[in-house]
């Protein structure tokens, strides 16, 4: 996933356990590659409060869960849900 492309190696090389505050101090200014705007690693990690990560994978997964709605495509979109009763469903979009 491109989201952490520019900080992935740094997160892997960091010494664990590590707190959010430690990762923010070291790598917080790095930009995440979100499709709908800009966000830094510090922005995402600030949403996690006083969390401690046991390893790089723990930090990576937590970061994925903490990014803003700018990191998702179309909000509330699902191509798997059937339309509700009396609803035709969303207009089809071709990519």
C-alpha atoms as a PDB file:
ATOM      1  CA  UNK A   1       0.000   0.000   0.000  1.00  0.00           C
ATOM      2  CA  UNK A   2       1.356   3.412  -0.939  1.00  0.00           C
ATOM      3  CA  UNK A   3       0.026   5.143   2.172  1.00  0.00           C
ATOM      4  CA  UNK A   4       3.221   4.554   4.138  1.00  0.00           C
ATOM      5  CA  UNK A   5       5.606   4.292   1.184  1.00  0.00           C
ATOM      6  CA  UNK A   6       7.948   7.030   2.379  1.00  0.00           C
ATOM      7  CA  UNK A   7       8.033   5.963   6.063  1.00  0.00           C
ATOM      8  CA  UNK A   8       7.711   2.176   5.875  1.00  0.00           C
ATOM      9  CA  UNK A   9      11.461   1.515   6.133  1.00  0.00           C
ATOM     10  CA  UNK A  10      11.824   4.003   8.988  1.00  0.00           C
ATOM     11  CA  UNK A  11       9.009   2.351  10.941  1.00  0.00           C
ATOM     12  CA  UNK A  12      10.628  -1.061  10.343  1.00  0.00           C
ATOM     13  CA  UNK A  13      14.047   0.151  11.516  1.00  0.00           C
ATOM     14  CA  UNK A  14      12.720   1.896  14.647  1.00  0.00           C
ATOM     15  CA  UNK A  15      13.345   0.211  18.000  1.00  0.00           C
ATOM     16  CA  UNK A  16      10.265  -1.227  19.753  1.00  0.00           C
ATOM     17  CA  UNK A  17       8.314  -1.012  21.991  1.00  0.00           C
ATOM     18  CA  UNK A  18       7.668   2.607  20.986  1.00  0.00           C
ATOM     19  CA  UNK A  19       4.979   5.099  21.897  1.00  0.00           C
ATOM     20  CA  UNK A  20       2.982   7.299  19.542  1.00  0.00           C
ATOM     21  CA  UNK A  21       4.858  10.284  20.944  1.00  0.00           C
ATOM     22  CA  UNK A  22       8.216   8.729  20.008  1.00  0.00           C
ATOM     23  CA  UNK A  23       7.134   7.950  16.445  1.00  0.00           C
ATOM     24  CA  UNK A  24       5.605  11.416  16.044  1.00  0.00           C
ATOM     25  CA  UNK A  25       8.820  13.050  17.263  1.00  0.00           C
ATOM     26  CA  UNK A  26      10.914  11.024  14.798  1.00  0.00           C
ATOM     27  CA  UNK A  27       8.682  10.750  11.730  1.00  0.00           C
ATOM     28  CA  UNK A  28       5.613  12.931  12.322  1.00  0.00           C
ATOM     29  CA  UNK A  29       6.388  15.389   9.528  1.00  0.00           C
ATOM     30  CA  UNK A  30       6.431  12.732   6.783  1.00  0.00           C
ATOM     31  CA  UNK A  31       3.535  13.048   4.341  1.00  0.00           C
ATOM     32  CA  UNK A  32       1.231  10.075   3.848  1.00  0.00           C
ATOM     33  CA  UNK A  33       0.046   9.431   0.310  1.00  0.00           C
ATOM     34  CA  UNK A  34      -3.725   9.852   0.718  1.00  0.00           C
ATOM     35  CA  UNK A  35      -5.883  10.186  -2.406  1.00  0.00           C
ATOM     36  CA  UNK A  36      -8.071  13.093  -1.268  1.00  0.00           C
ATOM     37  CA  UNK A  37      -5.850  15.661   0.412  1.00  0.00           C
ATOM     38  CA  UNK A  38      -2.769  15.783   2.574  1.00  0.00           C
ATOM     39  CA  UNK A  39      -1.995  14.215   5.897  1.00  0.00           C
ATOM     40  CA  UNK A  40       1.175  13.602   7.876  1.00  0.00           C
ATOM     41  CA  UNK A  41       2.095  10.551   9.883  1.00  0.00           C
ATOM     42  CA  UNK A  42       1.881  12.801  12.960  1.00  0.00           C
ATOM     43  CA  UNK A  43      -1.734  13.739  12.106  1.00  0.00           C
ATOM     44  CA  UNK A  44      -2.721  10.072  11.994  1.00  0.00           C
ATOM     45  CA  UNK A  45      -0.784   8.994  15.081  1.00  0.00           C
ATOM     46  CA  UNK A  46      -2.159  11.897  17.149  1.00  0.00           C
ATOM     47  CA  UNK A  47      -5.602  10.277  16.842  1.00  0.00           C
ATOM     48  CA  UNK A  48      -4.345   7.207  18.718  1.00  0.00           C
ATOM     49  CA  UNK A  49      -3.578   8.957  21.994  1.00  0.00           C
ATOM     50  CA  UNK A  50      -1.071   7.349  24.347  1.00  0.00           C
ATOM     51  CA  UNK A  51      -0.637   4.076  22.502  1.00  0.00           C
ATOM     52  CA  UNK A  52       2.463   1.907  22.714  1.00  0.00           C
ATOM     53  CA  UNK A  53       3.414  -0.289  19.766  1.00  0.00           C
ATOM     54  CA  UNK A  54       5.107  -3.633  20.348  1.00  0.00           C
ATOM     55  CA  UNK A  55       6.563  -3.937  16.847  1.00  0.00           C
ATOM     56  CA  UNK A  56       6.608  -2.305  13.408  1.00  0.00           C
ATOM     57  CA  UNK A  57       3.576  -4.242  12.180  1.00  0.00           C
ATOM     58  CA  UNK A  58       1.585  -3.018  15.196  1.00  0.00           C
ATOM     59  CA  UNK A  59       2.524   0.594  14.370  1.00  0.00           C
ATOM     60  CA  UNK A  60       1.749   0.142  10.680  1.00  0.00           C
ATOM     61  CA  UNK A  61      -1.711  -1.374  11.230  1.00  0.00           C
ATOM     62  CA  UNK A  62      -2.593   1.264  13.816  1.00  0.00           C
ATOM     63  CA  UNK A  63      -1.604   4.003  11.370  1.00  0.00           C
ATOM     64  CA  UNK A  64      -3.827   2.503   8.667  1.00  0.00           C
ATOM     65  CA  UNK A  65      -6.756   2.565  11.087  1.00  0.00           C
ATOM     66  CA  UNK A  66      -6.074   6.147  12.204  1.00  0.00           C
ATOM     67  CA  UNK A  67      -5.934   7.988   8.875  1.00  0.00           C
ATOM     68  CA  UNK A  68      -8.672  10.503   8.146  1.00  0.00           C
ATOM     69  CA  UNK A  69     -11.493  10.118   5.655  1.00  0.00           C
ATOM     70  CA  UNK A  70      -9.161  11.691   3.061  1.00  0.00           C
ATOM     71  CA  UNK A  71      -7.549   8.266   2.740  1.00  0.00           C
ATOM     72  CA  UNK A  72     -10.657   6.530   1.473  1.00  0.00           C
ATOM     73  CA  UNK A  73     -12.173   6.712  -1.959  1.00  0.00           C
ATOM     74  CA  UNK A  74     -15.865   7.485  -2.164  1.00  0.00           C
ATOM     75  CA  UNK A  75     -17.360   7.856   1.291  1.00  0.00           C
ATOM     76  CA  UNK A  76     -20.112   5.353   2.248  1.00  0.00           C
ATOM     77  CA  UNK A  77     -19.626   3.507  -1.047  1.00  0.00           C
ATOM     78  CA  UNK A  78     -19.993  -0.220  -1.379  1.00  0.00           C
ATOM     79  CA  UNK A  79     -20.422  -2.163  -4.587  1.00  0.00           C
ATOM     80  CA  UNK A  80     -21.350  -5.261  -2.587  1.00  0.00           C
ATOM     81  CA  UNK A  81     -24.494  -4.105  -0.789  1.00  0.00           C
ATOM     82  CA  UNK A  82     -27.849  -4.657  -2.418  1.00  0.00           C
ATOM     83  CA  UNK A  83     -30.118  -1.592  -2.620  1.00  0.00           C
ATOM     84  CA  UNK A  84     -32.644  -1.179   0.167  1.00  0.00           C
ATOM     85  CA  UNK A  85     -36.368  -1.605  -0.443  1.00  0.00           C
ATOM     86  CA  UNK A  86     -37.758   1.234  -2.611  1.00  0.00           C
ATOM     87  CA  UNK A  87     -34.242   2.226  -3.604  1.00  0.00           C
ATOM     88  CA  UNK A  88     -32.631   1.785  -6.997  1.00  0.00           C
ATOM     89  CA  UNK A  89     -29.111   1.919  -5.614  1.00  0.00           C
ATOM     90  CA  UNK A  90     -26.216   4.150  -6.529  1.00  0.00           C
ATOM     91  CA  UNK A  91     -25.540   5.224 -10.083  1.00  0.00           C
ATOM     92  CA  UNK A  92     -22.929   3.056 -11.684  1.00  0.00           C
ATOM     93  CA  UNK A  93     -19.558   4.672 -12.118  1.00  0.00           C
ATOM     94  CA  UNK A  94     -17.017   3.403 -14.584  1.00  0.00           C
ATOM     95  CA  UNK A  95     -13.372   3.704 -13.616  1.00  0.00           C
END
